[in-house]
Amino acid sequence: MIELMVVVLIVAILAAILVPFLTAKLETARWTEARAGCGTLATAIRATWAEQAEEEFAMSTSPETYLTVGDLRGKYFSAGDYTITFGPTSTQYPVAYTISVGKPKAPTQTVTWTKAGYSLDYTGKWTEL
């Protein structure tokens, strides 16, 4: 009987240690999906700019301008969760943009989010919101 209580105690201690660790890893995986979407949008913006003449490039803030809606449909994030803003351009960066993603507007399930989101600018710099 004592051996069984010791085993139960050991399992309880391991569970108490592992649950917070695994929860943090799950959130990291969710934000990885969001960051991958930002990178996909950045590539699509640069490709669209390269294909069109500089004068014809429309700086649209809608992700659907650069990709089809299904391209950004993930398990946690969709096209509506991404925001594109354009800034001043320069000779070094002819198209300047920032892509931001926050917590999903329409979560598909109950998820606890501890971070507010991320943004990616045209130089490749990531910022936690």
Protein backbone atom coordinates (compact mmCIF):
# COMPACT_ATOMS: atom_id res chain seq x y z
CA MET A 1 0.00 0.00 0.00
CA ILE A 2 2.83 2.41 0.81
CA GLU A 3 4.53 1.55 -2.48
CA LEU A 4 1.37 2.49 -4.38
CA MET A 5 1.16 5.83 -2.53
CA VAL A 6 4.80 6.54 -3.37
CA VAL A 7 4.18 5.80 -7.06
CA VAL A 8 1.09 8.03 -7.08
CA LEU A 9 3.07 10.80 -5.37
CA ILE A 10 5.88 10.54 -7.93
CA VAL A 11 3.41 10.65 -10.84
CA ALA A 12 1.67 13.68 -9.30
CA ILE A 13 4.97 15.53 -8.92
CA LEU A 14 5.98 14.76 -12.51
CA ALA A 15 2.58 15.93 -13.77
CA ALA A 16 2.87 19.17 -11.79
CA ILE A 17 6.24 19.83 -13.41
CA LEU A 18 5.34 18.82 -16.97
CA VAL A 19 1.93 20.51 -17.42
CA PRO A 20 3.24 24.14 -17.33
CA PHE A 21 6.20 23.17 -19.52
CA LEU A 22 4.00 21.53 -22.16
CA THR A 23 1.49 24.39 -22.08
CA ALA A 24 4.27 26.87 -22.88
CA LYS A 25 5.43 24.69 -25.76
CA LEU A 26 1.90 24.59 -27.19
CA GLU A 27 1.68 28.37 -27.21
CA THR A 28 5.09 28.59 -28.88
CA ALA A 29 3.81 26.28 -31.61
CA ARG A 30 0.70 28.43 -32.11
CA TRP A 31 2.77 31.60 -32.50
CA THR A 32 5.06 29.75 -34.91
CA GLU A 33 2.04 29.37 -37.19
CA ALA A 34 1.41 33.13 -36.95
CA ARG A 35 5.03 33.99 -37.68
CA ALA A 36 5.08 31.64 -40.66
CA GLY A 37 2.02 33.47 -42.01
CA CYS A 38 3.81 36.82 -41.60
CA GLY A 39 6.79 35.48 -43.52
CA THR A 40 4.52 34.16 -46.26
CA LEU A 41 2.86 37.56 -46.59
CA ALA A 42 6.23 39.34 -46.68
CA THR A 43 7.40 37.08 -49.50
CA ALA A 44 4.14 37.64 -51.39
CA ILE A 45 4.42 41.45 -51.04
CA ARG A 46 8.00 41.45 -52.32
CA ALA A 47 7.07 39.11 -55.21
CA THR A 48 4.08 41.26 -56.17
CA TRP A 49 6.25 44.38 -56.09
CA ALA A 50 8.91 42.67 -58.24
CA GLU A 51 6.34 41.50 -60.82
CA GLN A 52 4.71 44.89 -61.19
CA ALA A 53 6.26 48.15 -62.17
CA GLU A 54 6.96 50.38 -59.19
CA GLU A 55 4.34 52.86 -60.39
CA GLU A 56 1.68 50.14 -60.68
CA PHE A 57 2.25 48.60 -57.26
CA ALA A 58 -0.87 49.17 -55.15
CA MET A 59 -0.01 49.21 -51.47
CA SER A 60 -3.04 47.28 -50.33
CA THR A 61 -3.45 46.51 -46.64
CA SER A 62 -5.54 43.43 -47.39
CA PRO A 63 -3.71 40.07 -47.22
CA GLU A 64 -6.06 38.72 -49.91
CA THR A 65 -4.42 41.11 -52.41
CA TYR A 66 -1.21 39.10 -52.28
CA LEU A 67 -2.46 35.59 -51.49
CA THR A 68 -5.64 33.60 -51.78
CA VAL A 69 -7.65 33.29 -48.58
CA GLY A 70 -6.77 29.63 -48.16
CA ASP A 71 -3.04 30.38 -48.14
CA LEU A 72 -3.28 31.87 -44.65
CA ARG A 73 -5.86 29.50 -43.19
CA GLY A 74 -4.17 27.70 -40.32
CA LYS A 75 -5.41 25.92 -37.27
CA TYR A 76 -5.35 29.07 -35.12
CA PHE A 77 -4.93 32.04 -37.48
CA SER A 78 -6.65 33.14 -40.69
CA ALA A 79 -6.18 35.99 -43.18
CA GLY A 80 -8.27 38.37 -41.08
CA ASP A 81 -5.83 38.13 -38.17
CA TYR A 82 -2.98 39.74 -40.13
CA THR A 83 -2.55 43.51 -40.56
CA ILE A 84 -0.36 45.12 -43.23
CA THR A 85 0.79 48.73 -42.95
CA PHE A 86 3.01 50.52 -45.43
CA GLY A 87 5.56 53.12 -44.46
CA PRO A 88 7.91 55.53 -46.18
CA THR A 89 10.14 54.04 -48.84
CA SER A 90 13.80 54.68 -49.57
CA THR A 91 16.27 53.80 -52.29
CA GLN A 92 17.46 50.86 -50.19
CA TYR A 93 13.92 49.63 -49.44
CA PRO A 94 11.58 50.61 -52.29
CA VAL A 95 8.63 48.94 -50.56
CA ALA A 96 8.45 49.41 -46.77
CA TYR A 97 5.85 47.46 -44.81
CA THR A 98 5.07 46.00 -41.41
CA ILE A 99 2.98 42.87 -41.00
CA SER A 100 1.39 42.36 -37.60
CA VAL A 101 -0.54 39.47 -36.14
CA GLY A 102 -2.26 39.41 -32.78
CA LYS A 103 -4.43 36.95 -30.95
CA PRO A 104 -6.96 35.35 -33.32
CA LYS A 105 -10.16 37.34 -33.71
CA ALA A 106 -12.27 34.18 -33.97
CA PRO A 107 -10.58 31.43 -31.97
CA THR A 108 -11.62 27.94 -32.96
CA GLN A 109 -11.21 26.63 -29.45
CA THR A 110 -10.58 27.83 -25.94
CA VAL A 111 -6.89 28.72 -25.83
CA THR A 112 -4.96 30.77 -23.29
CA TRP A 113 -2.72 33.37 -24.94
CA THR A 114 0.00 35.01 -22.86
CA LYS A 115 1.53 37.06 -25.69
CA ALA A 116 -0.21 39.86 -27.57
CA GLY A 117 1.34 39.08 -30.95
CA TYR A 118 4.26 39.74 -33.29
CA SER A 119 5.17 42.10 -36.10
CA LEU A 120 7.60 41.68 -38.98
CA ASP A 121 9.00 44.68 -40.83
CA TYR A 122 10.50 44.98 -44.30
CA THR A 123 14.05 44.57 -42.94
CA GLY A 124 13.20 41.18 -41.46
CA LYS A 125 13.10 42.39 -37.85
CA TRP A 126 10.63 40.63 -35.52
CA THR A 127 9.04 42.52 -32.64
CA GLU A 128 6.88 41.08 -29.90
CA LEU A 129 3.78 43.22 -29.39
